[in-house]
Amino acid sequence: MTEKLISESTTVDAPPEVVFAILADPRQHSRIDGSGSVGAVLSAPERLTGTGQTFTVRMKLFGVPYVIPNRVVEFEEGRLIAWRHFTANRWRYELAPTSDGGTTVTETFDASRADGLTDAIVRAAKFPERNRAGILGTLQRLKQAAETDAAGPLAGWTPGPPVRAVSCAASRTPPISAVCPPPEARRFRRAA
């Protein structure tokens, strides 16, 4: 890749629709950001669904906080999403299904449309190197997030031993009374 196109890829053990759901939800971008610059979303649709949509994000660069609006400039449901801010630089994600049900994700920082001044600033601030490191971190975090989401809310959960239900009203002896409030503190009481 040239300094104007910085790309990295990873394979995720989750289907494209799970990966794309994360990318199409700006509120999840801070969850997967590997650069340490993406903060809270100030405004955005529930889900990005096409080109022209905008979302505004709190960011931090070199320790300086700022707010930046972004506009979706490329969109193919489940396969491609890209956005840009006031410069012509784009952040693009391309998804391709794998034969085993996973997804190959390629993230690209695309500065090929930048004007001369923007290009000079990007190079002087060493953004090509910074963006490559951020992309690698983001892809790692995206992989973790998508694989967790694909596994579902009970992933990794195993049932413990059965628990015996005990009525606080029936017990006044330790150790059960240690976890039961005194009768006067109980909100619901048996009718006499």
C-alpha atoms as a PDB file:
ATOM      1  CA  MET A   1       0.000   0.000   0.000  1.00  0.00           C
ATOM      2  CA  THR A   2       1.058   3.580  -0.558  1.00  0.00           C
ATOM      3  CA  GLU A   3       0.990   6.215   2.176  1.00  0.00           C
ATOM      4  CA  LYS A   4      -2.310   7.415   0.678  1.00  0.00           C
ATOM      5  CA  LEU A   5      -3.947   3.990   1.115  1.00  0.00           C
ATOM      6  CA  ILE A   6      -3.273   2.262   4.421  1.00  0.00           C
ATOM      7  CA  SER A   7      -5.011  -1.133   4.650  1.00  0.00           C
ATOM      8  CA  GLU A   8      -4.956  -4.120   6.959  1.00  0.00           C
ATOM      9  CA  SER A   9      -7.176  -7.203   7.140  1.00  0.00           C
ATOM     10  CA  THR A  10      -8.246  -9.799   9.660  1.00  0.00           C
ATOM     11  CA  THR A  11     -10.509 -12.830   9.714  1.00  0.00           C
ATOM     12  CA  VAL A  12     -13.351 -12.790  12.221  1.00  0.00           C
ATOM     13  CA  ASP A  13     -15.162 -15.893  13.459  1.00  0.00           C
ATOM     14  CA  ALA A  14     -18.549 -14.233  13.034  1.00  0.00           C
ATOM     15  CA  PRO A  15     -20.838 -13.804  10.026  1.00  0.00           C
ATOM     16  CA  PRO A  16     -20.711 -10.566   7.998  1.00  0.00           C
ATOM     17  CA  GLU A  17     -24.081  -9.370   9.329  1.00  0.00           C
ATOM     18  CA  VAL A  18     -22.758  -9.388  12.909  1.00  0.00           C
ATOM     19  CA  VAL A  19     -19.605  -7.487  11.937  1.00  0.00           C
ATOM     20  CA  PHE A  20     -21.554  -5.033   9.800  1.00  0.00           C
ATOM     21  CA  ALA A  21     -24.055  -4.373  12.607  1.00  0.00           C
ATOM     22  CA  ILE A  22     -21.200  -3.063  14.734  1.00  0.00           C
ATOM     23  CA  LEU A  23     -19.777  -0.880  11.960  1.00  0.00           C
ATOM     24  CA  ALA A  24     -23.197   0.505  10.998  1.00  0.00           C
ATOM     25  CA  ASP A  25     -23.864   1.621  14.592  1.00  0.00           C
ATOM     26  CA  PRO A  26     -21.791   4.741  15.335  1.00  0.00           C
ATOM     27  CA  ARG A  27     -22.433   4.243  19.060  1.00  0.00           C
ATOM     28  CA  GLN A  28     -20.252   1.131  18.877  1.00  0.00           C
ATOM     29  CA  HIS A  29     -17.284   2.839  17.221  1.00  0.00           C
ATOM     30  CA  SER A  30     -15.645   3.723  20.551  1.00  0.00           C
ATOM     31  CA  ARG A  31     -16.029   0.046  21.538  1.00  0.00           C
ATOM     32  CA  ILE A  32     -13.822  -1.032  18.636  1.00  0.00           C
ATOM     33  CA  ASP A  33     -11.515   1.986  18.251  1.00  0.00           C
ATOM     34  CA  GLY A  34      -7.881   0.942  18.363  1.00  0.00           C
ATOM     35  CA  SER A  35      -6.457   4.444  18.009  1.00  0.00           C
ATOM     36  CA  GLY A  36      -7.662   5.797  21.336  1.00  0.00           C
ATOM     37  CA  SER A  37      -9.174   8.826  19.636  1.00  0.00           C
ATOM     38  CA  VAL A  38     -12.887   7.970  19.266  1.00  0.00           C
ATOM     39  CA  GLY A  39     -15.199   9.098  22.047  1.00  0.00           C
ATOM     40  CA  ALA A  40     -18.933   9.392  22.532  1.00  0.00           C
ATOM     41  CA  VAL A  41     -21.390   9.891  19.702  1.00  0.00           C
ATOM     42  CA  LEU A  42     -23.254  13.188  19.983  1.00  0.00           C
ATOM     43  CA  SER A  43     -25.739  12.578  17.188  1.00  0.00           C
ATOM     44  CA  ALA A  44     -26.407   9.703  14.823  1.00  0.00           C
ATOM     45  CA  PRO A  45     -29.222   7.603  13.447  1.00  0.00           C
ATOM     46  CA  GLU A  46     -29.874   4.323  15.271  1.00  0.00           C
ATOM     47  CA  ARG A  47     -28.158   2.583  12.373  1.00  0.00           C
ATOM     48  CA  LEU A  48     -26.390   3.793   9.256  1.00  0.00           C
ATOM     49  CA  THR A  49     -28.351   2.579   6.243  1.00  0.00           C
ATOM     50  CA  GLY A  50     -27.014   4.499   3.256  1.00  0.00           C
ATOM     51  CA  THR A  51     -24.826   7.201   1.803  1.00  0.00           C
ATOM     52  CA  GLY A  52     -25.378  10.780   2.874  1.00  0.00           C
ATOM     53  CA  GLN A  53     -26.211   9.964   6.501  1.00  0.00           C
ATOM     54  CA  THR A  54     -24.228  11.826   9.120  1.00  0.00           C
ATOM     55  CA  PHE A  55     -23.030  11.208  12.651  1.00  0.00           C
ATOM     56  CA  THR A  56     -21.108  13.460  15.024  1.00  0.00           C
ATOM     57  CA  VAL A  57     -18.470  12.151  17.394  1.00  0.00           C
ATOM     58  CA  ARG A  58     -16.316  13.467  20.228  1.00  0.00           C
ATOM     59  CA  MET A  59     -12.666  12.784  19.425  1.00  0.00           C
ATOM     60  CA  LYS A  60      -9.280  13.380  20.966  1.00  0.00           C
ATOM     61  CA  LEU A  61      -6.036  13.808  19.050  1.00  0.00           C
ATOM     62  CA  PHE A  62      -2.658  14.543  20.665  1.00  0.00           C
ATOM     63  CA  GLY A  63      -4.609  14.980  23.914  1.00  0.00           C
ATOM     64  CA  VAL A  64      -6.807  17.724  22.440  1.00  0.00           C
ATOM     65  CA  PRO A  65     -10.576  17.069  22.460  1.00  0.00           C
ATOM     66  CA  TYR A  66     -12.709  18.083  19.494  1.00  0.00           C
ATOM     67  CA  VAL A  67     -16.039  17.283  17.861  1.00  0.00           C
ATOM     68  CA  ILE A  68     -16.260  16.099  14.270  1.00  0.00           C
ATOM     69  CA  PRO A  69     -19.198  15.413  11.946  1.00  0.00           C
ATOM     70  CA  ASN A  70     -18.845  12.461   9.564  1.00  0.00           C
ATOM     71  CA  ARG A  71     -20.776  11.598   6.420  1.00  0.00           C
ATOM     72  CA  VAL A  72     -21.294   8.116   4.964  1.00  0.00           C
ATOM     73  CA  VAL A  73     -19.865   8.141   1.428  1.00  0.00           C
ATOM     74  CA  GLU A  74     -19.911   4.442   0.484  1.00  0.00           C
ATOM     75  CA  PHE A  75     -22.480   1.877   1.535  1.00  0.00           C
ATOM     76  CA  GLU A  76     -23.428  -1.660   0.498  1.00  0.00           C
ATOM     77  CA  GLU A  77     -25.439  -3.463   3.170  1.00  0.00           C
ATOM     78  CA  GLY A  78     -23.414  -6.218   4.796  1.00  0.00           C
ATOM     79  CA  ARG A  79     -20.376  -5.627   2.587  1.00  0.00           C
ATOM     80  CA  LEU A  80     -19.029  -2.058   2.528  1.00  0.00           C
ATOM     81  CA  ILE A  81     -19.208   1.105   4.603  1.00  0.00           C
ATOM     82  CA  ALA A  82     -17.039   4.229   4.480  1.00  0.00           C
ATOM     83  CA  TRP A  83     -17.256   7.717   5.958  1.00  0.00           C
ATOM     84  CA  ARG A  84     -15.347  10.967   5.851  1.00  0.00           C
ATOM     85  CA  HIS A  85     -15.304  14.264   7.702  1.00  0.00           C
ATOM     86  CA  PHE A  86     -14.408  17.749   6.428  1.00  0.00           C
ATOM     87  CA  THR A  87     -11.342  16.472   4.561  1.00  0.00           C
ATOM     88  CA  ALA A  88     -11.652  14.051   1.680  1.00  0.00           C
ATOM     89  CA  ASN A  89      -9.973  11.265   3.672  1.00  0.00           C
ATOM     90  CA  ARG A  90     -12.085   8.134   4.073  1.00  0.00           C
ATOM     91  CA  TRP A  91     -12.247   5.342   6.605  1.00  0.00           C
ATOM     92  CA  ARG A  92     -13.500   2.249   4.768  1.00  0.00           C
ATOM     93  CA  TYR A  93     -14.475  -1.242   5.899  1.00  0.00           C
ATOM     94  CA  GLU A  94     -14.913  -4.027   3.338  1.00  0.00           C
ATOM     95  CA  LEU A  95     -16.385  -7.364   4.407  1.00  0.00           C
ATOM     96  CA  ALA A  96     -16.187 -10.692   2.592  1.00  0.00           C
ATOM     97  CA  PRO A  97     -17.716 -13.943   3.836  1.00  0.00           C
ATOM     98  CA  THR A  98     -15.362 -16.872   4.399  1.00  0.00           C
ATOM     99  CA  SER A  99     -16.177 -20.483   3.514  1.00  0.00           C
ATOM    100  CA  ASP A 100     -16.506 -21.417   7.208  1.00  0.00           C
ATOM    101  CA  GLY A 101     -19.122 -18.755   8.035  1.00  0.00           C
ATOM    102  CA  GLY A 102     -16.707 -16.073   9.202  1.00  0.00           C
ATOM    103  CA  THR A 103     -15.763 -12.724   7.686  1.00  0.00           C
ATOM    104  CA  THR A 104     -12.615 -11.216   6.260  1.00  0.00           C
ATOM    105  CA  VAL A 105     -12.579  -7.524   7.216  1.00  0.00           C
ATOM    106  CA  THR A 106     -10.339  -5.004   5.489  1.00  0.00           C
ATOM    107  CA  GLU A 107     -10.054  -1.526   6.976  1.00  0.00           C
ATOM    108  CA  THR A 108      -8.540   1.208   4.820  1.00  0.00           C
ATOM    109  CA  PHE A 109      -7.553   4.788   5.535  1.00  0.00           C
ATOM    110  CA  ASP A 110      -7.907   6.359   2.081  1.00  0.00           C
ATOM    111  CA  ALA A 111      -6.198   9.713   1.602  1.00  0.00           C
ATOM    112  CA  SER A 112      -6.094   9.444  -2.193  1.00  0.00           C
ATOM    113  CA  ARG A 113      -8.698  12.201  -2.630  1.00  0.00           C
ATOM    114  CA  ALA A 114      -6.950  14.706  -0.352  1.00  0.00           C
ATOM    115  CA  ASP A 115      -5.837  18.076  -1.666  1.00  0.00           C
ATOM    116  CA  GLY A 116      -2.180  19.096  -1.458  1.00  0.00           C
ATOM    117  CA  LEU A 117      -2.477  20.973   1.837  1.00  0.00           C
ATOM    118  CA  THR A 118      -4.333  18.142   3.580  1.00  0.00           C
ATOM    119  CA  ASP A 119      -1.838  15.633   2.193  1.00  0.00           C
ATOM    120  CA  ALA A 120       1.098  17.685   3.510  1.00  0.00           C
ATOM    121  CA  ILE A 121      -0.476  17.942   6.982  1.00  0.00           C
ATOM    122  CA  VAL A 122      -1.261  14.212   7.044  1.00  0.00           C
ATOM    123  CA  ARG A 123       2.338  13.352   6.195  1.00  0.00           C
ATOM    124  CA  ALA A 124       3.900  15.927   8.560  1.00  0.00           C
ATOM    125  CA  ALA A 125       1.813  14.606  11.473  1.00  0.00           C
ATOM    126  CA  LYS A 126       2.888  11.040  10.580  1.00  0.00           C
ATOM    127  CA  PHE A 127      -0.703   9.937  10.144  1.00  0.00           C
ATOM    128  CA  PRO A 128       0.159   7.068   7.789  1.00  0.00           C
ATOM    129  CA  GLU A 129       2.134   5.375  10.596  1.00  0.00           C
ATOM    130  CA  ARG A 130      -0.393   6.338  13.281  1.00  0.00           C
ATOM    131  CA  ASN A 131      -3.297   5.163  11.144  1.00  0.00           C
ATOM    132  CA  ARG A 132      -1.689   1.778  10.469  1.00  0.00           C
ATOM    133  CA  ALA A 133      -1.280   1.206  14.226  1.00  0.00           C
ATOM    134  CA  GLY A 134      -4.853   2.408  14.843  1.00  0.00           C
ATOM    135  CA  ILE A 135      -6.205   0.143  12.103  1.00  0.00           C
ATOM    136  CA  LEU A 136      -4.424  -2.901  13.556  1.00  0.00           C
ATOM    137  CA  GLY A 137      -5.824  -2.103  17.001  1.00  0.00           C
ATOM    138  CA  THR A 138      -9.311  -1.483  15.635  1.00  0.00           C
ATOM    139  CA  LEU A 139      -9.362  -4.742  13.689  1.00  0.00           C
ATOM    140  CA  GLN A 140      -8.309  -6.648  16.794  1.00  0.00           C
ATOM    141  CA  ARG A 141     -11.044  -5.003  18.876  1.00  0.00           C
ATOM    142  CA  LEU A 142     -13.638  -5.446  16.089  1.00  0.00           C
ATOM    143  CA  LYS A 143     -12.753  -9.148  15.933  1.00  0.00           C
ATOM    144  CA  GLN A 144     -13.226  -9.520  19.712  1.00  0.00           C
ATOM    145  CA  ALA A 145     -16.496  -7.562  19.700  1.00  0.00           C
ATOM    146  CA  ALA A 146     -18.017  -9.413  16.743  1.00  0.00           C
ATOM    147  CA  GLU A 147     -17.029 -12.832  18.037  1.00  0.00           C
ATOM    148  CA  THR A 148     -18.522 -11.976  21.435  1.00  0.00           C
ATOM    149  CA  ASP A 149     -21.725 -10.689  19.822  1.00  0.00           C
ATOM    150  CA  ALA A 150     -21.996 -13.751  17.575  1.00  0.00           C
ATOM    151  CA  ALA A 151     -21.638 -16.084  20.556  1.00  0.00           C
ATOM    152  CA  GLY A 152     -24.632 -14.458  22.257  1.00  0.00           C
ATOM    153  CA  PRO A 153     -25.267 -13.190  25.776  1.00  0.00           C
ATOM    154  CA  LEU A 154     -24.778 -16.575  27.462  1.00  0.00           C
ATOM    155  CA  ALA A 155     -21.495 -17.450  25.737  1.00  0.00           C
ATOM    156  CA  GLY A 156     -19.070 -19.036  28.140  1.00  0.00           C
ATOM    157  CA  TRP A 157     -21.756 -19.526  30.787  1.00  0.00           C
ATOM    158  CA  THR A 158     -22.042 -22.925  32.392  1.00  0.00           C
ATOM    159  CA  PRO A 159     -24.702 -23.788  34.917  1.00  0.00           C
ATOM    160  CA  GLY A 160     -23.560 -24.143  38.519  1.00  0.00           C
ATOM    161  CA  PRO A 161     -24.858 -26.564  41.102  1.00  0.00           C
ATOM    162  CA  PRO A 162     -28.556 -26.446  41.885  1.00  0.00           C
ATOM    163  CA  VAL A 163     -29.590 -23.897  44.473  1.00  0.00           C
ATOM    164  CA  ARG A 164     -32.127 -24.772  47.154  1.00  0.00           C
ATOM    165  CA  ALA A 165     -34.820 -22.136  47.475  1.00  0.00           C
ATOM    166  CA  VAL A 166     -35.522 -21.102  51.043  1.00  0.00           C
ATOM    167  CA  SER A 167     -38.310 -18.923  52.297  1.00  0.00           C
ATOM    168  CA  CYS A 168     -37.187 -16.147  54.593  1.00  0.00           C
ATOM    169  CA  ALA A 169     -40.518 -16.411  56.401  1.00  0.00           C
ATOM    170  CA  ALA A 170     -39.791 -20.014  57.313  1.00  0.00           C
ATOM    171  CA  SER A 171     -36.289 -19.510  58.635  1.00  0.00           C
ATOM    172  CA  ARG A 172     -34.942 -17.832  61.736  1.00  0.00           C
ATOM    173  CA  THR A 173     -31.755 -19.851  62.196  1.00  0.00           C
ATOM    174  CA  PRO A 174     -28.306 -19.259  60.738  1.00  0.00           C
ATOM    175  CA  PRO A 175     -27.014 -19.386  58.125  1.00  0.00           C
ATOM    176  CA  ILE A 176     -30.235 -18.590  56.267  1.00  0.00           C
ATOM    177  CA  SER A 177     -31.309 -15.866  58.674  1.00  0.00           C
ATOM    178  CA  ALA A 178     -28.058 -14.075  57.866  1.00  0.00           C
ATOM    179  CA  VAL A 179     -29.364 -13.403  54.370  1.00  0.00           C
ATOM    180  CA  CYS A 180     -33.012 -12.818  55.263  1.00  0.00           C
ATOM    181  CA  PRO A 181     -34.136  -9.417  56.490  1.00  0.00           C
ATOM    182  CA  PRO A 182     -35.964  -9.270  59.823  1.00  0.00           C
ATOM    183  CA  PRO A 183     -39.758  -9.617  59.514  1.00  0.00           C
ATOM    184  CA  GLU A 184     -40.404  -5.904  60.092  1.00  0.00           C
ATOM    185  CA  ALA A 185     -38.138  -5.040  57.135  1.00  0.00           C
ATOM    186  CA  ARG A 186     -39.865  -7.353  54.689  1.00  0.00           C
ATOM    187  CA  ARG A 187     -41.943  -5.531  52.148  1.00  0.00           C
ATOM    188  CA  PHE A 188     -44.326  -8.339  51.380  1.00  0.00           C
ATOM    189  CA  ARG A 189     -45.796 -10.401  54.201  1.00  0.00           C
ATOM    190  CA  ARG A 190     -48.115 -13.323  54.305  1.00  0.00           C
ATOM    191  CA  ALA A 191     -51.703 -12.459  55.043  1.00  0.00           C
ATOM    192  CA  ALA A 192     -52.698 -13.702  58.507  1.00  0.00           C
END
